[in-house]
N, C-alpha and C. Protein backbone atom coordinates (compact mmCIF):
# COMPACT_ATOMS: atom_id res chain seq x y z
N SER A 1 141.58 14.23 54.65
CA SER A 1 142.57 15.53 54.03
C SER A 1 142.01 16.65 54.97
N THR A 2 143.01 17.88 54.56
CA THR A 2 142.28 18.76 55.42
C THR A 2 141.17 19.22 55.01
N LYS A 3 141.29 19.96 53.63
CA LYS A 3 139.99 20.17 52.83
C LYS A 3 138.99 18.98 53.24
N ASN A 4 138.61 17.98 52.98
CA ASN A 4 137.76 17.22 53.14
C ASN A 4 137.26 16.97 54.70
N ARG A 5 137.87 17.32 55.86
CA ARG A 5 137.42 18.09 57.13
C ARG A 5 136.87 19.07 56.99
N GLU A 6 137.47 20.26 56.36
CA GLU A 6 136.85 21.46 56.58
C GLU A 6 135.27 21.66 55.58
N SER A 7 135.26 20.72 54.71
CA SER A 7 134.10 20.50 53.96
C SER A 7 132.85 19.81 54.89
N LYS A 8 133.56 19.01 56.11
CA LYS A 8 132.70 18.26 56.32
C LYS A 8 131.19 19.04 56.89
N VAL A 9 130.04 18.63 57.03
CA VAL A 9 128.73 19.16 57.62
C VAL A 9 128.72 18.48 59.14
N HIS A 10 128.55 19.52 60.36
CA HIS A 10 128.66 18.70 61.19
C HIS A 10 126.85 19.02 61.49
N VAL A 11 126.06 17.78 61.80
CA VAL A 11 124.79 17.66 62.45
C VAL A 11 124.65 17.26 63.74
N PHE A 12 124.01 17.80 64.39
CA PHE A 12 123.64 17.25 65.99
C PHE A 12 122.38 16.51 66.10
N VAL A 13 123.27 15.20 66.64
CA VAL A 13 121.74 14.07 66.52
C VAL A 13 121.47 14.21 68.19
N PRO A 14 120.51 14.34 68.35
CA PRO A 14 119.81 14.64 70.05
C PRO A 14 119.92 13.27 70.75
N PRO A 15 120.33 12.95 71.96
CA PRO A 15 120.50 11.75 72.38
C PRO A 15 119.18 10.85 72.55
N SER A 16 119.28 9.73 72.33
CA SER A 16 118.38 8.50 71.99
C SER A 16 118.33 7.78 73.31
N PRO A 17 117.09 8.09 74.27
CA PRO A 17 117.00 7.49 75.38
C PRO A 17 117.03 5.76 75.35
N PRO A 18 117.35 5.10 76.23
CA PRO A 18 117.45 3.55 76.01
C PRO A 18 115.94 2.67 75.94
N ARG A 19 115.81 2.12 75.25
CA ARG A 19 114.18 1.37 75.03
C ARG A 19 114.07 0.79 76.50
N ASP A 20 112.83 1.29 77.20
CA ASP A 20 112.03 1.20 77.81
C ASP A 20 112.87 1.20 79.30
N GLY A 21 114.37 2.53 78.96
CA GLY A 21 114.95 2.96 80.03
C GLY A 21 115.87 1.82 80.53
N CYS A 22 115.93 1.06 79.81
CA CYS A 22 116.93 -0.22 80.44
C CYS A 22 118.59 0.51 79.68
N LEU A 23 119.32 0.48 80.64
CA LEU A 23 120.78 0.86 80.51
C LEU A 23 121.74 -0.66 80.49
N LEU A 24 120.98 -1.60 80.86
CA LEU A 24 122.04 -2.84 80.50
C LEU A 24 121.60 -3.81 79.40
N PRO A 25 122.33 -4.23 78.88
CA PRO A 25 121.83 -5.31 77.96
C PRO A 25 121.65 -6.82 78.98
N GLY A 26 120.61 -7.53 78.37
CA GLY A 26 120.01 -8.39 78.91
C GLY A 26 118.81 -9.25 78.26
N PRO A 27 118.66 -10.22 78.74
CA PRO A 27 116.67 -10.91 78.25
C PRO A 27 115.64 -9.92 78.38
N ALA A 28 115.62 -9.26 79.76
CA ALA A 28 114.81 -8.07 80.50
C ALA A 28 115.00 -6.96 80.18
N GLY A 29 116.20 -6.67 79.57
CA GLY A 29 116.14 -5.09 78.99
C GLY A 29 116.46 -4.81 77.09
N GLN A 30 117.42 -4.33 76.56
CA GLN A 30 117.53 -4.11 75.16
C GLN A 30 118.67 -5.15 74.59
N VAL A 31 118.59 -5.30 73.39
CA VAL A 31 119.52 -6.13 72.69
C VAL A 31 121.19 -5.61 73.16
N ASP A 32 121.11 -4.59 72.87
CA ASP A 32 122.77 -3.92 72.59
C ASP A 32 122.83 -2.94 73.94
N ALA A 33 123.81 -3.07 74.20
CA ALA A 33 124.30 -2.22 75.32
C ALA A 33 123.95 -0.65 75.14
N PHE A 34 123.67 0.41 76.12
CA PHE A 34 123.24 1.64 75.78
C PHE A 34 124.71 2.35 75.08
N THR A 35 124.39 3.50 74.79
CA THR A 35 125.28 4.34 74.38
C THR A 35 125.63 5.41 75.03
N SER A 36 127.17 5.61 75.74
CA SER A 36 127.76 6.40 77.04
C SER A 36 126.91 7.91 76.66
N THR A 37 127.18 8.50 75.16
CA THR A 37 126.82 9.92 75.31
C THR A 37 125.18 9.92 75.27
N SER A 38 124.45 9.04 75.35
CA SER A 38 122.99 8.79 75.07
C SER A 38 122.35 9.05 76.86
N VAL A 39 123.04 8.71 77.63
CA VAL A 39 122.77 8.64 79.04
C VAL A 39 122.31 10.23 79.77
N ARG A 40 121.47 10.54 80.05
CA ARG A 40 120.81 11.84 80.77
C ARG A 40 120.96 12.03 82.11
N ALA A 41 122.24 12.19 82.56
CA ALA A 41 122.53 12.45 84.14
C ALA A 41 122.19 13.52 84.75
N ARG A 42 122.46 13.45 86.06
CA ARG A 42 122.11 14.98 86.80
C ARG A 42 123.25 15.16 87.60
N THR A 43 123.40 16.41 87.98
CA THR A 43 124.34 16.79 89.26
C THR A 43 123.40 16.71 90.32
N ALA A 44 124.05 16.58 91.30
CA ALA A 44 123.16 16.67 92.38
C ALA A 44 122.43 18.09 93.00
N GLY A 45 123.10 19.48 92.35
CA GLY A 45 122.34 20.47 92.32
C GLY A 45 121.65 20.63 90.90
N GLY A 46 121.21 19.41 90.14
CA GLY A 46 120.27 19.50 89.15
C GLY A 46 120.21 20.14 88.00
N ARG A 47 121.87 20.08 87.62
CA ARG A 47 122.17 20.70 86.20
C ARG A 47 122.16 19.16 85.24
N PRO A 48 122.11 19.76 83.83
CA PRO A 48 122.19 18.18 83.18
C PRO A 48 124.17 17.81 82.92
N ALA A 49 124.01 16.77 83.23
CA ALA A 49 125.60 16.38 82.91
C ALA A 49 125.43 14.78 81.95
N TRP A 50 126.69 14.73 81.23
CA TRP A 50 126.71 13.80 80.23
C TRP A 50 127.91 13.25 80.10
N TRP A 51 128.15 12.22 79.07
CA TRP A 51 129.49 11.69 79.10
C TRP A 51 129.80 11.86 77.29
N CYS A 52 131.29 12.08 77.05
CA CYS A 52 131.52 12.82 75.88
C CYS A 52 132.78 11.99 75.48
N LYS A 53 132.94 11.69 74.31
CA LYS A 53 134.04 10.94 74.21
C LYS A 53 135.62 12.02 73.85
N VAL A 54 135.18 13.16 73.88
CA VAL A 54 136.45 14.31 73.94
C VAL A 54 136.14 14.72 74.95
N ASP A 55 135.62 15.20 75.10
CA ASP A 55 135.33 15.96 76.96
C ASP A 55 135.23 15.56 78.41
N LYS A 56 134.93 13.93 77.91
CA LYS A 56 134.90 13.24 78.87
C LYS A 56 133.45 13.60 79.67
N LEU A 57 133.32 13.55 80.99
CA LEU A 57 132.29 14.27 81.64
C LEU A 57 131.69 15.67 81.40
N VAL A 58 130.73 16.16 80.44
CA VAL A 58 130.42 17.29 80.82
C VAL A 58 129.42 17.68 81.79
N VAL A 59 129.36 18.65 82.34
CA VAL A 59 128.39 19.69 83.37
C VAL A 59 127.87 20.83 82.70
N PHE A 60 126.55 21.04 82.03
CA PHE A 60 126.17 22.35 81.60
C PHE A 60 125.65 23.07 82.61
N ASP A 61 126.57 24.23 82.60
CA ASP A 61 125.77 25.18 84.07
C ASP A 61 124.99 26.58 83.29
N GLY A 62 124.43 26.47 82.30
CA GLY A 62 123.99 27.48 81.67
C GLY A 62 124.15 28.26 80.51
N MET A 63 123.85 29.46 80.15
CA MET A 63 124.36 30.24 79.54
C MET A 63 124.39 31.56 79.75
N ASP A 64 125.54 32.09 79.61
CA ASP A 64 125.85 33.67 79.96
C ASP A 64 125.79 34.59 78.86
N VAL A 65 124.72 35.43 78.67
CA VAL A 65 124.62 36.37 77.77
C VAL A 65 125.63 37.52 77.88
N GLN A 66 126.50 37.91 76.69
CA GLN A 66 127.48 38.81 76.93
C GLN A 66 127.00 39.99 76.28
N LYS A 67 127.61 41.04 76.49
CA LYS A 67 127.25 42.57 76.33
C LYS A 67 126.81 42.87 74.64
N ASP A 68 127.35 42.26 73.49
CA ASP A 68 127.36 42.07 72.46
C ASP A 68 125.92 41.11 71.92
N GLY A 69 125.36 40.93 72.89
CA GLY A 69 124.01 39.92 72.88
C GLY A 69 124.35 38.41 72.48
N SER A 70 125.45 37.95 72.13
CA SER A 70 125.82 36.73 72.15
C SER A 70 125.52 35.67 73.51
N ALA A 71 125.67 34.32 73.37
CA ALA A 71 125.24 33.44 74.56
C ALA A 71 126.60 32.78 74.83
N LYS A 72 127.00 33.07 75.81
CA LYS A 72 128.07 31.90 76.11
C LYS A 72 127.27 30.65 77.03
N THR A 73 128.16 29.45 76.41
CA THR A 73 127.81 28.40 77.13
C THR A 73 129.24 28.44 78.13
N LEU A 74 128.54 27.89 79.59
CA LEU A 74 128.72 27.78 81.02
C LEU A 74 129.16 26.29 81.07
N THR A 75 130.27 25.73 80.92
CA THR A 75 130.13 24.28 81.18
C THR A 75 131.79 24.10 81.92
N ARG A 76 131.48 22.94 82.81
CA ARG A 76 132.77 22.13 83.46
C ARG A 76 132.88 20.95 82.89
N THR A 77 134.40 20.17 82.65
CA THR A 77 134.31 18.80 82.41
C THR A 77 135.45 18.59 83.28
N SER A 78 135.80 16.82 82.98
CA SER A 78 136.35 16.34 83.50
C SER A 78 137.48 16.26 82.55
N LYS A 79 137.94 16.62 81.69
CA LYS A 79 138.50 16.47 80.76
C LYS A 79 140.21 16.61 81.15
N GLY A 80 141.09 16.30 80.87
CA GLY A 80 142.57 16.38 81.59
C GLY A 80 142.39 16.69 82.77
N LEU A 81 142.37 14.90 83.61
CA LEU A 81 141.66 14.95 85.04
C LEU A 81 143.03 15.75 85.56
N SER A 82 144.64 15.61 85.47
CA SER A 82 145.34 16.06 86.01
C SER A 82 144.90 17.47 86.86
N ILE A 83 144.41 18.43 85.79
CA ILE A 83 143.98 19.74 85.83
C ILE A 83 142.84 19.98 86.55
N ALA A 84 141.91 18.84 86.16
CA ALA A 84 140.69 19.46 86.89
C ALA A 84 140.80 18.96 88.48
N ARG A 85 141.68 17.93 88.53
CA ARG A 85 142.45 17.35 90.26
C ARG A 85 142.58 18.65 91.00
N ARG A 86 143.36 19.19 89.87
CA ARG A 86 144.00 20.37 90.88
C ARG A 86 143.17 21.92 91.19
N ARG A 87 142.79 22.06 89.46
CA ARG A 87 141.88 23.57 89.91
C ARG A 87 140.11 22.97 89.87
N GLY A 88 139.81 22.11 89.61
CA GLY A 88 138.41 21.81 89.78
C GLY A 88 137.69 21.61 91.31
N ASP A 89 136.68 21.05 91.24
CA ASP A 89 135.58 20.72 92.14
C ASP A 89 135.12 19.64 92.08
N THR A 90 134.64 18.90 93.21
CA THR A 90 134.24 17.56 93.24
C THR A 90 132.78 17.58 93.07
N GLU A 91 132.03 17.09 91.93
CA GLU A 91 130.89 17.32 91.64
C GLU A 91 130.26 15.65 91.48
N THR A 92 128.81 15.60 92.03
CA THR A 92 128.21 14.80 92.48
C THR A 92 127.51 14.27 91.48
N VAL A 93 127.64 13.37 90.26
CA VAL A 93 126.59 12.92 89.42
C VAL A 93 125.62 11.80 89.53
N VAL A 94 124.49 12.39 89.18
CA VAL A 94 123.51 10.65 89.34
C VAL A 94 122.62 10.55 88.03
N ILE A 95 122.69 9.12 88.01
CA ILE A 95 121.80 8.63 86.78
C ILE A 95 121.02 7.66 87.35
N PRO A 96 119.71 8.44 86.98
CA PRO A 96 118.64 7.91 87.50
C PRO A 96 118.07 6.04 86.85
N MET A 97 117.82 5.08 87.72
CA MET A 97 117.75 4.02 87.02
C MET A 97 116.07 3.87 87.14
N ASN A 98 115.29 3.67 86.20
CA ASN A 98 113.78 3.90 86.36
C ASN A 98 113.49 2.25 85.75
N CYS A 99 114.65 1.52 85.51
CA CYS A 99 114.07 0.22 84.80
C CYS A 99 114.30 -1.07 85.79
N ALA A 100 113.19 -1.95 85.79
CA ALA A 100 113.26 -3.05 86.50
C ALA A 100 114.70 -3.79 86.68
N HIS A 101 114.56 -4.07 85.41
CA HIS A 101 116.25 -5.06 85.17
C HIS A 101 117.55 -4.23 85.58
N CYS A 102 117.53 -2.96 85.36
CA CYS A 102 118.96 -2.34 85.86
C CYS A 102 118.80 -2.44 87.42
N GLN A 103 117.66 -2.22 88.11
CA GLN A 103 117.46 -2.36 89.54
C GLN A 103 117.54 -3.50 89.95
N GLU A 104 117.58 -4.31 89.59
CA GLU A 104 117.70 -5.94 89.71
C GLU A 104 119.14 -6.23 89.76
N MET A 105 119.57 -6.53 88.37
CA MET A 105 120.82 -6.31 88.28
C MET A 105 122.27 -5.52 89.20
N LEU A 106 121.85 -4.20 89.16
CA LEU A 106 122.95 -3.65 90.49
C LEU A 106 122.52 -3.26 91.69
N ASN A 107 120.75 -3.80 91.83
CA ASN A 107 120.63 -3.51 93.42
C ASN A 107 120.79 -2.13 94.02
N ARG A 108 119.98 -1.33 93.14
CA ARG A 108 120.06 0.38 93.32
C ARG A 108 119.01 0.94 92.41
N HIS A 109 118.57 2.23 92.66
CA HIS A 109 117.59 2.99 91.86
C HIS A 109 118.50 4.04 91.32
N GLU A 110 119.31 4.24 91.68
CA GLU A 110 120.15 5.13 90.53
C GLU A 110 121.54 5.12 90.53
N TRP A 111 122.51 5.61 90.18
CA TRP A 111 123.97 5.42 89.96
C TRP A 111 124.33 6.60 90.49
N LYS A 112 125.09 7.11 91.72
CA LYS A 112 125.67 8.05 91.96
C LYS A 112 127.16 8.03 92.18
N TYR A 113 128.03 8.99 91.43
CA TYR A 113 129.15 8.85 92.00
C TYR A 113 130.02 10.33 91.90
N ASP A 114 131.10 10.68 92.72
CA ASP A 114 131.71 11.73 92.50
C ASP A 114 133.06 11.98 91.67
N ILE A 115 133.14 13.04 90.82
CA ILE A 115 134.23 13.08 90.13
C ILE A 115 134.56 14.39 90.09
N GLN A 116 135.76 14.58 89.88
CA GLN A 116 136.44 16.07 89.60
C GLN A 116 136.13 16.84 88.15
N VAL A 117 135.85 18.03 88.35
CA VAL A 117 135.41 18.72 87.08
C VAL A 117 135.85 20.45 87.23
N CYS A 118 136.31 20.86 86.38
CA CYS A 118 136.57 22.34 86.09
C CYS A 118 136.15 23.14 85.11
N LYS A 119 136.05 24.38 84.91
CA LYS A 119 135.63 25.04 83.83
C LYS A 119 136.42 25.01 82.85
N ARG A 120 135.76 24.54 81.36
CA ARG A 120 136.50 24.44 80.06
C ARG A 120 135.34 24.31 79.09
N SER A 121 135.70 24.69 77.94
CA SER A 121 135.17 24.75 76.70
C SER A 121 134.89 23.63 76.20
N VAL A 122 134.11 23.55 75.57
CA VAL A 122 134.06 22.13 74.84
C VAL A 122 133.85 21.92 73.51
N CYS A 123 133.62 20.74 73.12
CA CYS A 123 133.65 20.39 71.59
C CYS A 123 132.11 20.90 70.87
N TRP A 124 131.99 20.86 69.31
CA TRP A 124 130.91 21.36 69.14
C TRP A 124 129.87 20.64 69.27
N ASP A 125 129.73 19.21 69.36
CA ASP A 125 128.69 18.41 69.53
C ASP A 125 128.18 18.51 71.14
N CYS A 126 129.06 18.97 72.27
CA CYS A 126 128.65 19.40 73.28
C CYS A 126 127.68 20.66 73.45
N LYS A 127 128.24 21.48 72.62
CA LYS A 127 127.96 22.99 72.70
C LYS A 127 126.17 23.01 72.05
N GLU A 128 125.97 22.04 71.00
CA GLU A 128 124.87 21.60 70.49
C GLU A 128 124.09 21.07 71.45
N ARG A 129 124.62 20.22 72.36
CA ARG A 129 123.75 19.29 73.30
C ARG A 129 123.49 20.27 74.26
N CYS A 130 124.11 21.42 74.62
CA CYS A 130 123.75 22.33 75.77
C CYS A 130 122.44 23.09 75.39
N ARG A 131 122.88 23.39 73.86
CA ARG A 131 121.57 24.34 73.40
C ARG A 131 120.28 23.54 73.71
N TRP A 132 120.76 22.04 73.02
CA TRP A 132 119.11 21.21 73.33
C TRP A 132 118.65 20.67 74.77
N GLU A 133 119.71 20.70 75.70
CA GLU A 133 119.34 20.55 76.67
C GLU A 133 118.70 22.08 77.66
N LEU A 134 119.21 22.57 77.25
CA LEU A 134 118.29 24.46 77.37
C LEU A 134 117.24 24.04 77.05
N GLU A 135 116.51 23.87 75.75
CA GLU A 135 115.37 23.67 75.24
C GLU A 135 114.33 22.26 75.98
N GLN A 136 115.27 21.66 76.39
CA GLN A 136 114.48 20.46 76.85
C GLN A 136 114.04 21.13 78.20
N GLU A 137 114.69 21.73 79.24
CA GLU A 137 114.42 22.43 80.52
C GLU A 137 113.06 23.84 80.37
N ALA A 138 113.40 24.18 79.10
CA ALA A 138 112.42 25.24 79.03
C ALA A 138 110.85 24.30 78.48
N GLU A 139 111.31 23.54 77.77
CA GLU A 139 109.58 22.39 77.81
C GLU A 139 109.02 21.95 79.08
N GLU A 140 109.92 21.83 79.64
CA GLU A 140 109.67 21.03 81.07
C GLU A 140 108.98 22.08 82.06
N ILE A 141 109.81 23.36 81.58
CA ILE A 141 108.63 24.22 82.66
C ILE A 141 107.51 24.68 82.25
N MET A 142 107.18 24.77 80.66
CA MET A 142 106.10 25.28 80.02
C MET A 142 105.24 23.97 80.63
N LYS A 143 105.23 22.54 80.45
CA LYS A 143 104.55 21.65 80.75
C LYS A 143 104.24 21.46 82.15
N SER A 144 104.88 21.99 83.19
CA SER A 144 104.46 22.18 84.34
C SER A 144 103.81 23.03 84.77
N ARG A 145 103.60 24.52 84.16
CA ARG A 145 102.93 25.60 84.36
C ARG A 145 101.59 25.30 83.51
N ASP A 146 101.52 24.72 82.81
CA ASP A 146 100.15 24.55 82.17
C ASP A 146 99.77 23.06 82.80
N ALA A 147 100.42 22.42 83.58
CA ALA A 147 99.71 21.63 84.48
C ALA A 147 99.20 21.96 85.66
N ALA A 148 100.00 22.95 86.19
CA ALA A 148 99.21 23.83 87.50
C ALA A 148 98.67 24.78 86.94
N GLY A 149 98.30 25.20 85.61
CA GLY A 149 97.29 26.07 85.07
C GLY A 149 95.97 25.21 85.52
N GLU A 150 95.93 23.63 85.03
CA GLU A 150 95.06 23.17 84.74
C GLU A 150 94.52 22.67 86.11
N GLY A 151 95.30 22.64 86.89
CA GLY A 151 94.94 22.01 88.24
C GLY A 151 94.15 23.22 88.94
N ASN A 152 94.66 24.44 89.27
CA ASN A 152 94.06 25.83 89.50
C ASN A 152 92.72 25.81 88.69
N ARG A 153 92.77 25.44 87.31
CA ARG A 153 91.20 25.82 87.02
C ARG A 153 90.11 24.72 87.33
N ASP A 154 90.67 23.55 87.75
CA ASP A 154 89.35 22.40 88.22
C ASP A 154 89.36 22.61 89.30
N ARG A 155 90.42 23.14 90.49
CA ARG A 155 90.01 23.58 91.90
C ARG A 155 89.14 24.71 91.82
N ALA A 156 88.90 25.49 90.99
CA ALA A 156 88.24 26.85 90.92
C ALA A 156 86.78 26.22 90.94
N ASP A 157 86.93 25.19 89.58
CA ASP A 157 85.54 24.69 89.06
C ASP A 157 84.77 24.27 90.24
N SER A 158 85.63 23.45 90.71
CA SER A 158 84.97 22.45 91.89
C SER A 158 84.52 23.24 93.24
N VAL A 159 85.14 24.31 93.38
CA VAL A 159 84.48 25.24 94.26
C VAL A 159 83.46 25.69 94.20
N LEU A 160 83.47 26.19 92.95
CA LEU A 160 81.91 27.00 92.28
C LEU A 160 81.05 26.21 92.79
N GLN A 161 81.14 24.88 92.05
CA GLN A 161 80.53 24.11 91.97
C GLN A 161 79.62 23.63 93.47
N ASP A 162 80.71 23.59 94.09
CA ASP A 162 80.26 23.57 95.32
C ASP A 162 79.40 24.63 96.23
N ASP A 163 79.94 25.48 95.96
CA ASP A 163 79.07 26.83 96.47
C ASP A 163 77.01 26.84 95.96
N ASP A 164 77.42 26.35 94.42
CA ASP A 164 75.98 26.40 94.03
C ASP A 164 75.36 25.27 94.44
N SER A 165 75.91 24.08 94.87
CA SER A 165 75.18 22.86 95.32
C SER A 165 74.84 23.12 96.95
N GLY A 166 75.88 23.84 97.72
CA GLY A 166 75.62 24.13 99.33
C GLY A 166 74.43 25.11 99.34
N GLU A 167 74.49 26.39 98.21
CA GLU A 167 73.23 27.31 98.38
C GLU A 167 72.12 26.47 98.06
N GLU A 168 71.72 25.64 97.10
CA GLU A 168 70.67 24.86 96.75
C GLU A 168 70.13 24.16 98.49
N HIS A 169 71.40 23.63 98.51
CA HIS A 169 70.77 22.78 99.73
C HIS A 169 70.39 23.36 100.69
N LEU A 170 70.67 24.80 101.14
CA LEU A 170 70.63 25.50 102.37
C LEU A 170 69.13 25.70 102.33
N MET A 171 68.73 26.76 100.98
CA MET A 171 67.17 27.12 100.46
C MET A 171 66.61 25.69 100.63
N ARG A 172 66.62 24.88 99.92
CA ARG A 172 65.70 23.57 100.33
C ARG A 172 65.16 23.42 101.81
N LYS A 173 66.34 23.29 102.49
CA LYS A 173 66.33 23.06 104.00
C LYS A 173 65.57 24.20 104.47
N MET A 174 65.24 25.11 103.92
CA MET A 174 64.60 26.44 104.74
C MET A 174 63.20 26.74 104.11
N GLY A 175 63.04 25.52 103.22
CA GLY A 175 61.06 25.21 102.90
C GLY A 175 61.06 25.76 101.12
N LEU A 176 62.02 26.39 101.03
CA LEU A 176 62.05 26.85 99.58
C LEU A 176 62.24 25.97 98.44
N GLU A 177 61.03 25.83 97.50
CA GLU A 177 61.53 24.98 96.39
C GLU A 177 62.25 25.31 95.70
N GLU A 178 62.47 26.25 95.22
CA GLU A 178 63.50 26.70 94.25
C GLU A 178 64.53 28.06 94.79
N TRP A 179 65.86 27.67 94.42
CA TRP A 179 66.91 28.72 95.35
C TRP A 179 66.95 29.82 94.31
N ARG A 180 66.73 29.53 92.89
CA ARG A 180 67.23 30.07 91.67
C ARG A 180 66.23 31.65 92.04
N SER A 181 66.72 32.78 91.22
CA SER A 181 65.81 34.03 91.27
C SER A 181 64.51 33.93 90.50
N LYS A 182 63.83 34.33 90.68
CA LYS A 182 62.33 34.00 90.17
C LYS A 182 62.23 34.97 88.62
N SER A 183 61.06 34.58 87.96
CA SER A 183 60.86 35.41 86.66
C SER A 183 60.00 36.37 87.05
N PRO A 184 59.42 37.78 86.53
CA PRO A 184 58.73 38.88 86.93
C PRO A 184 57.18 37.96 87.16
N ILE A 185 56.82 37.12 86.18
CA ILE A 185 55.82 36.47 85.75
C ILE A 185 55.66 35.37 87.24
N GLU A 186 56.73 34.95 87.55
CA GLU A 186 56.49 33.35 88.77
C GLU A 186 56.69 34.42 90.03
N ALA A 187 57.17 35.57 89.80
CA ALA A 187 56.80 36.40 91.37
C ALA A 187 55.68 37.24 91.48
N VAL A 188 55.02 37.78 90.50
CA VAL A 188 53.85 38.49 90.76
C VAL A 188 52.28 37.61 90.17
N GLY A 189 52.70 36.68 89.34
CA GLY A 189 51.44 35.90 89.03
C GLY A 189 51.21 36.38 87.54
N GLY A 190 50.53 35.41 86.77
CA GLY A 190 50.02 35.76 85.50
C GLY A 190 48.69 36.37 85.24
N ILE A 191 48.04 36.81 84.45
CA ILE A 191 47.16 37.87 84.18
C ILE A 191 45.87 37.29 84.74
N GLU A 192 45.93 35.95 84.40
CA GLU A 192 44.68 35.17 84.76
C GLU A 192 44.60 34.96 86.04
N GLU A 193 45.77 35.04 86.86
CA GLU A 193 45.94 34.42 88.16
C GLU A 193 45.36 36.12 89.03
N ARG A 194 46.25 36.85 88.76
CA ARG A 194 45.34 38.46 89.29
C ARG A 194 44.28 38.73 88.65
N ILE A 195 43.12 38.28 87.75
CA ILE A 195 41.64 38.75 87.68
C ILE A 195 41.30 37.80 88.74
N GLU A 196 41.75 36.22 88.88
CA GLU A 196 41.00 35.43 89.71
C GLU A 196 40.88 36.14 91.44
N GLY A 197 42.02 36.61 91.38
CA GLY A 197 42.21 37.50 92.53
C GLY A 197 41.46 38.48 92.79
N VAL A 198 41.23 39.34 91.93
CA VAL A 198 40.41 40.67 92.20
C VAL A 198 39.04 40.10 92.10
N ARG A 199 38.62 38.80 91.59
CA ARG A 199 37.21 38.67 91.92
C ARG A 199 36.92 37.98 92.99
N ALA A 200 37.84 37.20 93.04
CA ALA A 200 37.78 36.65 94.75
C ALA A 200 37.52 37.84 95.85
N ARG A 201 37.93 39.12 95.75
CA ARG A 201 37.67 40.03 96.73
C ARG A 201 36.13 40.54 96.43
């Protein structure tokens, strides 16, 4: 009934990646075939894309912040293929295949195809999927920045260590036992040494 539909609570379920990355059923892959909505594809331009039962192929182009501060989801879909063919553009969709079983069965490392899409709004689940994809992109950017920062620190530490060892090697080559700066006692000598020096005179 209408009342039951209105009282239904929407819960977004993030896409679950296939076990071992296998998209095809088989002895070397997973027991059941993959769910099409769980496949995370990319356009040739790097935008997230996926399959929806309602909107067909969906391409997420980002968020547009409105004047009132609200965010508008920018999407393109292949829903209504006749309309998409008239008004849309051709988009190349790429599905990576990281599973040896899939690569062997299909004799390819990625699945690439062209499809017509045009700007359209999407269903509730796809809007939530867009927000989820946006969060995933932000996490990936943070991870790459952290990795780059760690790499820079490691290189800086390595350079400092190389400088220290190089200076020490140079000082030793010049005949100096210690390259580090000496304390006042080491440089001038202790009291006993100075007294012995005066007596010797």
